[in-house]
C-alpha atoms as a PDB file:
ATOM      1  CA  MET A   1      17.808  51.362  -7.002  1.00  0.00           C
ATOM      2  CA  GLY A   2      20.183  50.589  -4.162  1.00  0.00           C
ATOM      3  CA  ASN A   3      17.460  51.486  -1.648  1.00  0.00           C
ATOM      4  CA  ALA A   4      14.915  49.130  -3.320  1.00  0.00           C
ATOM      5  CA  PHE A   5      17.474  46.329  -3.296  1.00  0.00           C
ATOM      6  CA  PHE A   6      18.120  46.923   0.410  1.00  0.00           C
ATOM      7  CA  MET A   7      14.347  46.844   1.175  1.00  0.00           C
ATOM      8  CA  ALA A   8      13.858  43.574  -0.723  1.00  0.00           C
ATOM      9  CA  TYR A   9      16.881  42.068   1.042  1.00  0.00           C
ATOM     10  CA  ALA A  10      15.514  43.169   4.447  1.00  0.00           C
ATOM     11  CA  GLN A  11      12.127  41.567   3.664  1.00  0.00           C
ATOM     12  CA  ILE A  12      13.867  38.287   2.787  1.00  0.00           C
ATOM     13  CA  LEU A  13      15.782  38.395   6.079  1.00  0.00           C
ATOM     14  CA  VAL A  14      12.589  39.022   8.073  1.00  0.00           C
ATOM     15  CA  PHE A  15      10.799  36.174   6.261  1.00  0.00           C
ATOM     16  CA  SER A  16      13.780  33.850   6.838  1.00  0.00           C
ATOM     17  CA  ALA A  17      13.871  34.678  10.537  1.00  0.00           C
ATOM     18  CA  PHE A  18      10.101  34.070  10.825  1.00  0.00           C
ATOM     19  CA  PHE A  19      10.382  30.736   8.937  1.00  0.00           C
ATOM     20  CA  PHE A  20      13.346  29.634  11.069  1.00  0.00           C
ATOM     21  CA  GLN A  21      11.474  30.503  14.292  1.00  0.00           C
ATOM     22  CA  ALA A  22       8.356  28.605  13.113  1.00  0.00           C
ATOM     23  CA  THR A  23      10.531  25.596  12.274  1.00  0.00           C
ATOM     24  CA  LEU A  24      12.056  25.701  15.769  1.00  0.00           C
ATOM     25  CA  SER A  25       8.570  25.905  17.316  1.00  0.00           C
ATOM     26  CA  VAL A  26       7.407  22.840  15.386  1.00  0.00           C
ATOM     27  CA  ALA A  27      10.546  20.911  16.346  1.00  0.00           C
ATOM     28  CA  ALA A  28      10.117  21.871  20.004  1.00  0.00           C
ATOM     29  CA  SER A  29       6.487  20.751  20.008  1.00  0.00           C
ATOM     30  CA  ASP A  30       7.519  17.427  18.418  1.00  0.00           C
ATOM     31  CA  ASP A  31      10.097  16.897  21.159  1.00  0.00           C
ATOM     32  CA  ALA A  32       7.505  17.621  23.824  1.00  0.00           C
ATOM     33  CA  ALA A  33       5.016  15.145  22.370  1.00  0.00           C
ATOM     34  CA  SER A  34       3.949  12.186  24.471  1.00  0.00           C
ATOM     35  CA  PRO A  35       5.371   8.730  23.687  1.00  0.00           C
ATOM     36  CA  ALA A  36       2.204   7.851  21.724  1.00  0.00           C
ATOM     37  CA  ASP A  37       0.248  10.009  19.341  1.00  0.00           C
ATOM     38  CA  GLN A  38      -3.547  10.191  19.461  1.00  0.00           C
ATOM     39  CA  SER A  39      -3.915   7.003  17.403  1.00  0.00           C
ATOM     40  CA  GLY A  40      -2.194   5.029  20.176  1.00  0.00           C
ATOM     41  CA  VAL A  41       0.813   4.205  17.996  1.00  0.00           C
ATOM     42  CA  ALA A  42       4.121   4.662  19.776  1.00  0.00           C
ATOM     43  CA  VAL A  43       6.260   7.470  18.385  1.00  0.00           C
ATOM     44  CA  GLY A  44       8.712   6.020  15.902  1.00  0.00           C
ATOM     45  CA  GLN A  45       6.587   2.908  15.370  1.00  0.00           C
ATOM     46  CA  GLU A  46       5.297   2.231  11.872  1.00  0.00           C
ATOM     47  CA  GLN A  47       1.556   2.345  11.188  1.00  0.00           C
ATOM     48  CA  GLY A  48      -0.203  -0.146   8.956  1.00  0.00           C
ATOM     49  CA  PRO A  49      -1.236   1.512   5.675  1.00  0.00           C
ATOM     50  CA  VAL A  50      -4.666  -0.188   5.750  1.00  0.00           C
ATOM     51  CA  THR A  51      -5.720  -0.205   9.410  1.00  0.00           C
ATOM     52  CA  GLY A  52      -3.530   2.492  10.946  1.00  0.00           C
ATOM     53  CA  HIS A  53      -2.658   0.011  13.717  1.00  0.00           C
ATOM     54  CA  PRO A  54       0.977  -0.423  14.791  1.00  0.00           C
ATOM     55  CA  LEU A  55       3.323  -2.642  12.805  1.00  0.00           C
ATOM     56  CA  PRO A  56       4.469  -5.047  14.008  1.00  0.00           C
ATOM     57  CA  ARG A  57       1.678  -6.086  16.404  1.00  0.00           C
ATOM     58  CA  PHE A  58       0.315  -9.300  17.865  1.00  0.00           C
ATOM     59  CA  VAL A  59      -3.052 -10.856  17.012  1.00  0.00           C
ATOM     60  CA  SER A  60      -4.414 -14.396  17.327  1.00  0.00           C
ATOM     61  CA  LEU A  61      -5.881 -16.974  14.978  1.00  0.00           C
ATOM     62  CA  LYS A  62      -9.689 -16.670  15.200  1.00  0.00           C
ATOM     63  CA  ALA A  63     -10.535 -19.845  13.296  1.00  0.00           C
ATOM     64  CA  SER A  64      -9.500 -23.404  14.099  1.00  0.00           C
ATOM     65  CA  LYS A  65      -7.681 -23.518  10.743  1.00  0.00           C
ATOM     66  CA  GLY A  66      -6.048 -20.824   8.678  1.00  0.00           C
ATOM     67  CA  ASN A  67      -4.070 -20.872   5.454  1.00  0.00           C
ATOM     68  CA  ALA A  68      -0.921 -18.771   5.242  1.00  0.00           C
ATOM     69  CA  ARG A  69      -0.275 -17.994   1.591  1.00  0.00           C
ATOM     70  CA  ARG A  70       2.776 -16.959  -0.380  1.00  0.00           C
ATOM     71  CA  GLY A  71       1.110 -13.666  -1.376  1.00  0.00           C
ATOM     72  CA  PRO A  72      -1.940 -11.533  -0.535  1.00  0.00           C
ATOM     73  CA  SER A  73      -4.659 -13.317  -2.542  1.00  0.00           C
ATOM     74  CA  THR A  74      -6.342 -16.707  -2.857  1.00  0.00           C
ATOM     75  CA  SER A  75      -4.501 -17.276  -6.124  1.00  0.00           C
ATOM     76  CA  HIS A  76      -1.205 -17.585  -4.235  1.00  0.00           C
ATOM     77  CA  ARG A  77       0.085 -20.950  -3.078  1.00  0.00           C
ATOM     78  CA  ILE A  78      -0.561 -22.066   0.528  1.00  0.00           C
ATOM     79  CA  ASP A  79       2.742 -22.351   2.406  1.00  0.00           C
ATOM     80  CA  TRP A  80       1.434 -23.125   5.906  1.00  0.00           C
ATOM     81  CA  LEU A  81      -1.764 -24.327   7.540  1.00  0.00           C
ATOM     82  CA  PHE A  82      -2.162 -23.116  11.119  1.00  0.00           C
ATOM     83  CA  GLN A  83      -4.512 -25.373  13.110  1.00  0.00           C
ATOM     84  CA  VAL A  84      -4.644 -24.024  16.666  1.00  0.00           C
ATOM     85  CA  ALA A  85      -7.432 -21.546  17.388  1.00  0.00           C
ATOM     86  CA  GLY A  86      -6.106 -18.702  19.521  1.00  0.00           C
ATOM     87  CA  MET A  87      -2.504 -19.150  18.394  1.00  0.00           C
ATOM     88  CA  PRO A  88      -0.600 -15.852  18.626  1.00  0.00           C
ATOM     89  CA  LEU A  89       0.677 -14.413  15.363  1.00  0.00           C
ATOM     90  CA  GLU A  90       2.649 -11.253  14.661  1.00  0.00           C
ATOM     91  CA  VAL A  91       1.340  -8.969  11.913  1.00  0.00           C
ATOM     92  CA  ILE A  92       4.299  -7.537  10.034  1.00  0.00           C
ATOM     93  CA  ALA A  93       2.602  -6.100   6.904  1.00  0.00           C
ATOM     94  CA  GLU A  94      -0.811  -5.193   5.494  1.00  0.00           C
ATOM     95  CA  HIS A  95      -2.268  -5.212   1.983  1.00  0.00           C
ATOM     96  CA  ARG A  96      -5.992  -4.592   1.490  1.00  0.00           C
ATOM     97  CA  HIS A  97      -7.837  -7.458   3.265  1.00  0.00           C
ATOM     98  CA  TRP A  98      -4.633  -9.416   3.859  1.00  0.00           C
ATOM     99  CA  ARG A  99      -2.164  -9.413   6.746  1.00  0.00           C
ATOM    100  CA  ARG A 100       1.335 -10.830   6.557  1.00  0.00           C
ATOM    101  CA  VAL A 101       1.891 -12.801   9.749  1.00  0.00           C
ATOM    102  CA  ARG A 102       4.630 -14.870  11.314  1.00  0.00           C
ATOM    103  CA  PHE A 103       4.816 -17.387  14.122  1.00  0.00           C
ATOM    104  CA  HIS A 104       7.639 -17.608  16.666  1.00  0.00           C
ATOM    105  CA  ASP A 105       9.508 -20.172  14.549  1.00  0.00           C
ATOM    106  CA  GLY A 106       9.523 -17.853  11.523  1.00  0.00           C
ATOM    107  CA  SER A 107       6.784 -19.693   9.610  1.00  0.00           C
ATOM    108  CA  GLY A 108       3.995 -17.583   8.224  1.00  0.00           C
ATOM    109  CA  GLY A 109       2.627 -15.855   5.184  1.00  0.00           C
ATOM    110  CA  TRP A 110      -0.372 -13.818   4.087  1.00  0.00           C
ATOM    111  CA  MET A 111      -3.709 -14.486   5.823  1.00  0.00           C
ATOM    112  CA  HIS A 112      -7.121 -12.964   5.198  1.00  0.00           C
ATOM    113  CA  TYR A 113      -8.000 -10.549   7.991  1.00  0.00           C
ATOM    114  CA  ALA A 114     -11.258 -12.441   8.744  1.00  0.00           C
ATOM    115  CA  LEU A 115      -9.161 -15.327  10.118  1.00  0.00           C
ATOM    116  CA  LEU A 116      -7.509 -13.083  12.707  1.00  0.00           C
ATOM    117  CA  SER A 117      -8.669 -11.691  16.025  1.00  0.00           C
ATOM    118  CA  GLY A 118      -7.494  -8.796  18.164  1.00  0.00           C
ATOM    119  CA  VAL A 119      -7.721 -11.052  21.250  1.00  0.00           C
ATOM    120  CA  ARG A 120      -4.216 -11.287  22.657  1.00  0.00           C
ATOM    121  CA  THR A 121      -2.752 -14.693  23.378  1.00  0.00           C
ATOM    122  CA  VAL A 122       0.718 -16.053  24.098  1.00  0.00           C
ATOM    123  CA  VAL A 123       2.510 -19.352  23.663  1.00  0.00           C
ATOM    124  CA  VAL A 124       4.750 -20.748  26.418  1.00  0.00           C
ATOM    125  CA  MET A 125       8.305 -21.205  25.147  1.00  0.00           C
ATOM    126  CA  GLU A 126      10.036 -23.045  28.016  1.00  0.00           C
ATOM    127  CA  LYS A 127       9.585 -26.325  29.924  1.00  0.00           C
ATOM    128  CA  LYS A 128       7.372 -26.355  33.022  1.00  0.00           C
ATOM    129  CA  VAL A 129       6.930 -22.624  33.518  1.00  0.00           C
ATOM    130  CA  PRO A 130       5.435 -21.880  36.957  1.00  0.00           C
ATOM    131  CA  LEU A 131       2.182 -19.911  37.114  1.00  0.00           C
ATOM    132  CA  ARG A 132       2.402 -17.819  40.281  1.00  0.00           C
ATOM    133  CA  VAL A 133      -0.264 -16.219  42.477  1.00  0.00           C
ATOM    134  CA  THR A 134       1.442 -12.825  42.238  1.00  0.00           C
ATOM    135  CA  PRO A 135       4.207 -11.455  40.001  1.00  0.00           C
ATOM    136  CA  SER A 136       7.082 -12.564  42.221  1.00  0.00           C
ATOM    137  CA  GLU A 137       9.685 -15.356  42.167  1.00  0.00           C
ATOM    138  CA  THR A 138       8.790 -16.178  45.778  1.00  0.00           C
ATOM    139  CA  ALA A 139       5.015 -16.321  45.233  1.00  0.00           C
ATOM    140  CA  LEU A 140       3.107 -19.579  45.552  1.00  0.00           C
ATOM    141  CA  THR A 141       3.092 -21.718  42.386  1.00  0.00           C
ATOM    142  CA  LEU A 142      -0.447 -22.580  41.255  1.00  0.00           C
ATOM    143  CA  ALA A 143       0.385 -24.803  38.275  1.00  0.00           C
ATOM    144  CA  TYR A 144       2.973 -25.364  35.568  1.00  0.00           C
ATOM    145  CA  ALA A 145       2.586 -24.475  31.895  1.00  0.00           C
ATOM    146  CA  GLU A 146       4.067 -26.825  29.326  1.00  0.00           C
ATOM    147  CA  PRO A 147       5.965 -25.667  26.225  1.00  0.00           C
ATOM    148  CA  GLY A 148       3.628 -24.889  23.346  1.00  0.00           C
ATOM    149  CA  ALA A 149       0.665 -24.133  25.616  1.00  0.00           C
ATOM    150  CA  VAL A 150      -1.501 -21.276  24.296  1.00  0.00           C
ATOM    151  CA  ALA A 151      -3.043 -18.935  26.859  1.00  0.00           C
ATOM    152  CA  LYS A 152      -4.983 -15.665  26.898  1.00  0.00           C
ATOM    153  CA  LEU A 153      -2.882 -12.653  27.785  1.00  0.00           C
ATOM    154  CA  GLY A 154      -3.973 -10.397  30.631  1.00  0.00           C
ATOM    155  CA  LYS A 155      -2.135  -7.634  32.475  1.00  0.00           C
ATOM    156  CA  CYS A 156       1.598  -7.186  31.991  1.00  0.00           C
ATOM    157  CA  ASP A 157       4.099  -5.209  34.033  1.00  0.00           C
ATOM    158  CA  PRO A 158       7.725  -4.713  32.974  1.00  0.00           C
ATOM    159  CA  GLU A 159       8.722  -8.326  33.826  1.00  0.00           C
ATOM    160  CA  TRP A 160       5.554 -10.402  34.344  1.00  0.00           C
ATOM    161  CA  CYS A 161       2.284 -11.160  32.561  1.00  0.00           C
ATOM    162  CA  ARG A 162      -0.938 -12.681  33.846  1.00  0.00           C
ATOM    163  CA  ILE A 163      -2.122 -15.508  31.594  1.00  0.00           C
ATOM    164  CA  ALA A 164      -5.180 -17.787  31.626  1.00  0.00           C
ATOM    165  CA  SER A 165      -5.759 -21.176  30.036  1.00  0.00           C
ATOM    166  CA  ASP A 166      -8.658 -23.532  30.838  1.00  0.00           C
ATOM    167  CA  GLN A 167      -9.004 -23.474  34.654  1.00  0.00           C
ATOM    168  CA  ASN A 168      -5.436 -22.276  35.261  1.00  0.00           C
ATOM    169  CA  ARG A 169      -4.424 -18.667  35.562  1.00  0.00           C
ATOM    170  CA  GLY A 170      -1.450 -16.955  37.084  1.00  0.00           C
ATOM    171  CA  TRP A 171       1.584 -14.754  36.598  1.00  0.00           C
ATOM    172  CA  VAL A 172       4.473 -15.824  34.353  1.00  0.00           C
ATOM    173  CA  LYS A 173       7.765 -14.096  33.590  1.00  0.00           C
ATOM    174  CA  LYS A 174       7.600 -12.430  30.171  1.00  0.00           C
ATOM    175  CA  ILE A 175      10.849 -14.009  29.032  1.00  0.00           C
ATOM    176  CA  TYR A 176       9.069 -17.396  28.851  1.00  0.00           C
ATOM    177  CA  LEU A 177       6.307 -16.148  26.532  1.00  0.00           C
ATOM    178  CA  TRP A 178       5.965 -15.377  22.833  1.00  0.00           C
ATOM    179  CA  GLY A 179       3.122 -13.078  21.824  1.00  0.00           C
ATOM    180  CA  VAL A 180       4.015 -10.101  23.994  1.00  0.00           C
ATOM    181  CA  TYR A 181       6.827  -7.610  23.486  1.00  0.00           C
ATOM    182  CA  GLN A 182       9.421  -7.454  26.252  1.00  0.00           C
ATOM    183  CA  ASP A 183       8.879  -3.702  26.745  1.00  0.00           C
ATOM    184  CA  GLU A 184       5.069  -3.952  26.558  1.00  0.00           C
ATOM    185  CA  ILE A 185       2.936  -2.885  29.527  1.00  0.00           C
ATOM    186  CA  ARG A 186      -0.756  -3.875  29.580  1.00  0.00           C
END
């Protein structure tokens, strides 16, 4: 009986060692993973339960008008009416066909996904922001963007983004824009 007990105990030890080694292998492979998984979501960033896209993320208003409601259905009260096509909005939650969005001033609510577009835009947050030929403080200024101006978002490096609005396009420092994350590279 003592020998059978010893054999069973030895099998448990071997199994435990195998399980511990497999756990270490999984942990090591997780550490070696790239900053984004295959879905394109940054490691540690939440995924939307409906779309699988990152949360939070920026989108824009597709329509010229869009109701932001208190909850995710047409039976909920309208809290805000957004009236600028292309206005950037940040999606912070998802529920079926509804996206909870917010604007830079904190206003927002639930909007039907059909009112939103994946086209990236930004809003200028400072007075007379220079649009430059290249991403440099010493580059030639092409024009000035006024506060509240909405522009399409182009390439972004760690400090600058290229934006376009009407006939004007140029590079602007990211710190003057809302609709792009400060650590975002495009």
